[in-house]
């Protein structure tokens, strides 16, 4: 797959992986429809994309609103005539031991952003993607494959995302639409600083040493781009992530102990 003149919708495009991915796609002359809640930051991403040679528009939306997701798709079609790729990247974190949570609404909030937001956007984009025989991309996480202490709400949302897109891939086998699930590990973004704590408020700081075992966002984006070009079904990042999938089959208790030990040192 080449990206020049392909229309790409990208949610969560105002910062982090989304912003870096948008700029990289712009360098390859993609037509970009960028979505996020932060209109100021989103506009800055659009301008950065234009400076790199891409065509880009901003559609400020909250992906938890089904009507807003429909508007995102409608504006994409109106502006560029169709859709070739949908990248479901919008996400929010939550970090707290379950027994310490005092605001249970964080579970619903995280599920609505990380899982239902992807469902809504995919639902409205699917007819166009079937026409173009396009690509669906879900930016999930290694947390979508393994339980991680202090991340129960986030892990649940990413497991839901994994299951949804795995199922959709099978349903779409005869349509020409491919489904790619991307599972990064720790990436150098501020998602952990913005993650919700036990009281439902943003933490404001990362609970882990960000200088240790953290992938640069540029490296993460290059892996995503490569997987998109190849229209892969999955891209599991980091050696630990790849080994962990096999180890979980043969020694699940060991994987649980390793996850518990890792959480204590983060």
Protein backbone atom coordinates (compact mmCIF):
# COMPACT_ATOMS: atom_id res chain seq x y z
CA UNK A 1 0.00 0.00 0.00
CA UNK A 2 1.12 3.52 -0.83
CA UNK A 3 -0.31 6.53 0.97
CA UNK A 4 -0.06 9.22 -1.68
CA UNK A 5 -3.53 10.62 -2.39
CA UNK A 6 -5.10 8.07 -0.02
CA UNK A 7 -7.66 9.50 2.39
CA UNK A 8 -6.83 8.64 5.99
CA UNK A 9 -9.01 9.38 9.01
CA UNK A 10 -7.00 9.49 12.21
CA UNK A 11 -8.54 9.96 15.66
CA UNK A 12 -6.56 11.15 18.66
CA UNK A 13 -4.41 13.22 16.30
CA UNK A 14 -3.68 16.20 18.56
CA UNK A 15 -0.64 14.71 20.32
CA UNK A 16 1.45 11.62 21.01
CA UNK A 17 1.35 8.73 18.55
CA UNK A 18 -1.53 10.30 16.63
CA UNK A 19 0.26 13.57 15.92
CA UNK A 20 3.52 11.85 14.93
CA UNK A 21 1.65 9.38 12.70
CA UNK A 22 -0.25 12.20 11.00
CA UNK A 23 2.94 14.10 10.19
CA UNK A 24 4.60 10.96 8.82
CA UNK A 25 1.60 10.22 6.59
CA UNK A 26 1.62 13.84 5.41
CA UNK A 27 5.22 13.39 4.29
CA UNK A 28 3.90 10.62 2.03
CA UNK A 29 1.25 12.93 0.51
CA UNK A 30 -1.78 11.42 2.20
CA UNK A 31 -5.11 13.25 2.44
CA UNK A 32 -5.65 13.52 6.18
CA UNK A 33 -8.82 13.98 8.21
CA UNK A 34 -7.65 14.56 11.76
CA UNK A 35 -9.90 14.29 14.80
CA UNK A 36 -9.47 15.05 18.50
CA UNK A 37 -11.17 16.97 21.29
CA UNK A 38 -8.44 19.61 21.72
CA UNK A 39 -9.17 21.96 18.83
CA UNK A 40 -6.12 24.17 19.37
CA UNK A 41 -3.66 21.28 19.42
CA UNK A 42 -5.48 19.63 16.52
CA UNK A 43 -5.13 22.76 14.40
CA UNK A 44 -1.40 22.78 15.17
CA UNK A 45 -1.14 19.20 13.93
CA UNK A 46 -2.97 20.12 10.72
CA UNK A 47 -0.55 22.98 10.06
CA UNK A 48 2.43 20.71 10.72
CA UNK A 49 1.02 18.20 8.21
CA UNK A 50 0.53 20.86 5.55
CA UNK A 51 4.13 21.97 6.00
CA UNK A 52 5.17 18.40 5.19
CA UNK A 53 3.30 18.36 1.91
CA UNK A 54 0.09 16.64 2.93
CA UNK A 55 -3.49 17.82 2.59
CA UNK A 56 -5.15 17.92 6.01
CA UNK A 57 -8.35 19.10 7.66
CA UNK A 58 -9.34 19.22 11.32
CA UNK A 59 -12.62 17.82 12.60
CA UNK A 60 -12.79 18.49 16.36
CA UNK A 61 -14.98 15.78 17.92
CA UNK A 62 -15.42 13.63 20.99
CA UNK A 63 -15.39 10.00 19.82
CA UNK A 64 -17.73 9.00 22.65
CA UNK A 65 -20.52 10.78 20.74
CA UNK A 66 -21.91 8.50 17.97
CA UNK A 67 -23.37 11.47 16.07
CA UNK A 68 -20.02 13.25 16.12
CA UNK A 69 -18.35 10.13 14.72
CA UNK A 70 -20.86 10.10 11.87
CA UNK A 71 -20.11 13.75 11.19
CA UNK A 72 -16.40 12.89 11.03
CA UNK A 73 -17.05 10.33 8.31
CA UNK A 74 -19.47 12.60 6.43
CA UNK A 75 -16.98 15.49 6.37
CA UNK A 76 -14.23 13.15 5.15
CA UNK A 77 -16.35 12.01 2.22
CA UNK A 78 -17.49 15.55 1.44
CA UNK A 79 -13.91 16.85 1.44
CA UNK A 80 -12.06 14.00 -0.29
CA UNK A 81 -14.74 11.85 -1.93
CA UNK A 82 -14.15 8.66 0.02
CA UNK A 83 -12.13 6.89 2.72
CA UNK A 84 -9.20 4.53 2.26
CA UNK A 85 -7.94 4.09 5.83
CA UNK A 86 -9.45 4.59 9.28
CA UNK A 87 -6.99 4.70 12.17
CA UNK A 88 -8.72 4.35 15.55
CA UNK A 89 -6.12 5.90 17.82
CA UNK A 90 -8.06 8.01 20.34
CA UNK A 91 -7.41 6.74 23.83
CA UNK A 92 -7.20 7.49 27.52
CA UNK A 93 -5.41 5.69 30.36
CA UNK A 94 -6.39 4.78 33.90
CA UNK A 95 -3.91 3.75 36.58
CA UNK A 96 -4.98 2.52 40.02
CA UNK A 97 -5.38 -0.72 41.92
CA UNK A 98 -9.01 -1.77 41.61
CA UNK A 99 -9.56 -1.94 45.38
CA UNK A 100 -8.33 1.66 45.72
CA UNK A 101 -10.71 3.15 43.13
CA UNK A 102 -13.13 5.67 44.62
CA UNK A 103 -14.81 6.78 41.37
CA UNK A 104 -16.22 3.85 39.42
CA UNK A 105 -17.22 6.11 36.53
CA UNK A 106 -13.64 5.92 35.25
CA UNK A 107 -14.37 2.39 33.96
CA UNK A 108 -17.23 3.65 31.82
CA UNK A 109 -15.25 6.69 30.66
CA UNK A 110 -12.23 4.65 29.57
CA UNK A 111 -14.43 2.07 27.85
CA UNK A 112 -16.34 4.76 25.97
CA UNK A 113 -13.18 6.42 24.64
CA UNK A 114 -10.95 3.42 23.95
CA UNK A 115 -13.53 0.88 22.81
CA UNK A 116 -16.86 2.45 21.90
CA UNK A 117 -15.22 5.40 20.14
CA UNK A 118 -13.55 2.91 17.79
CA UNK A 119 -16.83 1.04 17.33
CA UNK A 120 -18.74 4.22 16.42
CA UNK A 121 -16.14 5.47 13.93
CA UNK A 122 -15.76 2.05 12.35
CA UNK A 123 -19.51 1.58 12.00
CA UNK A 124 -19.98 4.79 10.04
CA UNK A 125 -16.80 4.39 7.96
CA UNK A 126 -17.31 0.76 6.97
CA UNK A 127 -19.47 1.30 3.84
CA UNK A 128 -16.82 3.63 2.39
CA UNK A 129 -14.00 1.26 3.32
CA UNK A 130 -15.80 -1.61 1.59
CA UNK A 131 -16.07 0.51 -1.54
CA UNK A 132 -12.35 1.34 -1.51
CA UNK A 133 -11.29 -2.10 -0.21
CA UNK A 134 -9.52 -0.14 2.45
CA UNK A 135 -7.76 -0.69 5.74
CA UNK A 136 -9.02 -0.55 9.33
CA UNK A 137 -6.36 0.14 11.95
CA UNK A 138 -6.82 -0.21 15.70
CA UNK A 139 -4.09 1.26 17.89
CA UNK A 140 -4.45 -1.04 20.87
CA UNK A 141 -1.75 -1.99 23.40
CA UNK A 142 0.10 -4.95 24.84
CA UNK A 143 -2.46 -4.45 27.62
CA UNK A 144 -5.00 -5.81 25.14
CA UNK A 145 -3.31 -9.20 25.39
CA UNK A 146 -2.26 -9.51 29.03
CA UNK A 147 -3.55 -8.50 32.44
CA UNK A 148 -1.48 -5.73 34.03
CA UNK A 149 -1.80 -4.74 37.71
CA UNK A 150 -3.06 -1.18 38.34
CA UNK A 151 -4.45 -1.02 34.78
CA UNK A 152 -7.72 -2.97 35.15
CA UNK A 153 -9.96 -0.41 33.42
CA UNK A 154 -7.49 0.30 30.63
CA UNK A 155 -6.74 -3.39 30.10
CA UNK A 156 -10.45 -4.19 29.89
CA UNK A 157 -10.99 -1.53 27.22
CA UNK A 158 -8.07 -2.80 25.14
CA UNK A 159 -9.20 -6.42 25.47
CA UNK A 160 -12.60 -5.29 24.18
CA UNK A 161 -10.92 -3.51 21.28
CA UNK A 162 -8.84 -6.58 20.45
CA UNK A 163 -11.87 -8.87 20.46
CA UNK A 164 -13.99 -6.50 18.40
CA UNK A 165 -11.45 -6.04 15.61
CA UNK A 166 -10.47 -9.73 15.59
CA UNK A 167 -14.14 -10.54 15.02
CA UNK A 168 -14.58 -7.83 12.42
CA UNK A 169 -11.57 -9.13 10.48
CA UNK A 170 -13.31 -12.49 10.07
CA UNK A 171 -16.61 -10.91 9.08
CA UNK A 172 -14.88 -8.81 6.41
CA UNK A 173 -12.82 -11.59 4.84
CA UNK A 174 -14.69 -11.51 1.53
CA UNK A 175 -14.94 -7.72 1.23
CA UNK A 176 -11.34 -6.71 0.54
CA UNK A 177 -11.18 -4.70 3.79
CA UNK A 178 -8.16 -5.61 5.94
CA UNK A 179 -7.94 -5.15 9.69
CA UNK A 180 -4.68 -4.31 11.48
CA UNK A 181 -4.36 -4.35 15.27
CA UNK A 182 -1.29 -2.54 16.62
CA UNK A 183 -0.08 -3.40 20.13
CA UNK A 184 2.62 -1.01 21.41
CA UNK A 185 4.28 -1.26 24.80
CA UNK A 186 5.47 1.82 26.69
CA UNK A 187 5.86 4.69 24.22
CA UNK A 188 7.30 8.12 25.00
CA UNK A 189 4.04 10.08 25.16
CA UNK A 190 2.20 11.79 28.01
CA UNK A 191 -0.67 9.25 28.14
CA UNK A 192 0.38 8.11 31.62
CA UNK A 193 0.55 11.69 32.90
CA UNK A 194 -3.00 12.24 31.63
CA UNK A 195 -4.24 8.88 32.87
CA UNK A 196 -7.11 8.90 35.36
CA UNK A 197 -6.28 7.99 38.93
CA UNK A 198 -8.34 6.27 41.60
CA UNK A 199 -10.41 9.42 42.17
CA UNK A 200 -11.19 9.91 38.48
CA UNK A 201 -8.84 12.88 38.10
CA UNK A 202 -5.77 13.00 35.82
CA UNK A 203 -2.63 11.88 37.63
CA UNK A 204 -0.53 14.77 36.34
CA UNK A 205 2.61 12.63 36.45
CA UNK A 206 3.75 9.24 35.26
CA UNK A 207 4.02 6.55 37.95
CA UNK A 208 6.91 4.84 36.12
CA UNK A 209 10.48 5.73 35.17
CA UNK A 210 9.93 7.03 31.64
CA UNK A 211 13.62 6.73 30.86
CA UNK A 212 13.50 2.94 31.21
CA UNK A 213 12.26 0.57 28.48
CA UNK A 214 10.31 3.31 26.71
CA UNK A 215 10.06 3.31 22.91
CA UNK A 216 10.58 6.64 21.13
CA UNK A 217 7.36 7.73 19.46
CA UNK A 218 9.14 7.95 16.10
CA UNK A 219 10.12 4.28 16.27
CA UNK A 220 6.57 3.32 17.20
CA UNK A 221 5.20 5.25 14.22
CA UNK A 222 7.66 3.65 11.81
CA UNK A 223 6.49 0.21 12.91
CA UNK A 224 2.86 1.26 12.42
CA UNK A 225 3.59 2.65 8.96
CA UNK A 226 5.38 -0.55 7.92
CA UNK A 227 2.50 -2.70 9.14
CA UNK A 228 -0.02 -0.50 7.32
CA UNK A 229 1.92 -0.71 4.07
CA UNK A 230 1.96 -4.51 4.34
CA UNK A 231 -1.70 -4.60 5.42
CA UNK A 232 -0.70 -6.94 8.26
CA UNK A 233 -3.26 -8.40 10.63
CA UNK A 234 -1.19 -7.56 13.71
CA UNK A 235 1.88 -5.63 14.83
CA UNK A 236 3.04 -6.61 18.31
CA UNK A 237 5.83 -4.30 19.41
CA UNK A 238 8.87 -5.04 21.60
CA UNK A 239 10.67 -8.32 22.05
CA UNK A 240 9.05 -8.77 25.47
CA UNK A 241 5.64 -8.35 23.89
CA UNK A 242 6.33 -10.97 21.22
CA UNK A 243 7.86 -13.49 23.64
CA UNK A 244 5.09 -12.88 26.15
CA UNK A 245 2.42 -14.09 23.72
CA UNK A 246 4.11 -17.48 23.37
CA UNK A 247 5.07 -17.71 27.03
CA UNK A 248 1.47 -17.10 28.07
CA UNK A 249 0.48 -20.31 26.24
CA UNK A 250 2.99 -22.54 28.01
CA UNK A 251 3.60 -20.83 31.36
CA UNK A 252 0.68 -18.50 32.17
CA UNK A 253 1.44 -18.38 35.90
CA UNK A 254 4.96 -17.21 35.16
CA UNK A 255 3.62 -14.44 32.94
CA UNK A 256 1.32 -13.32 35.78
CA UNK A 257 4.28 -13.19 38.19
CA UNK A 258 6.37 -11.22 35.73
CA UNK A 259 3.53 -8.73 35.23
CA UNK A 260 3.13 -8.33 39.01
CA UNK A 261 6.86 -7.79 39.49
CA UNK A 262 6.95 -5.27 36.65
CA UNK A 263 4.08 -3.29 38.18
CA UNK A 264 5.91 -3.06 41.50
CA UNK A 265 8.94 -1.49 39.82
CA UNK A 266 7.04 1.07 37.73
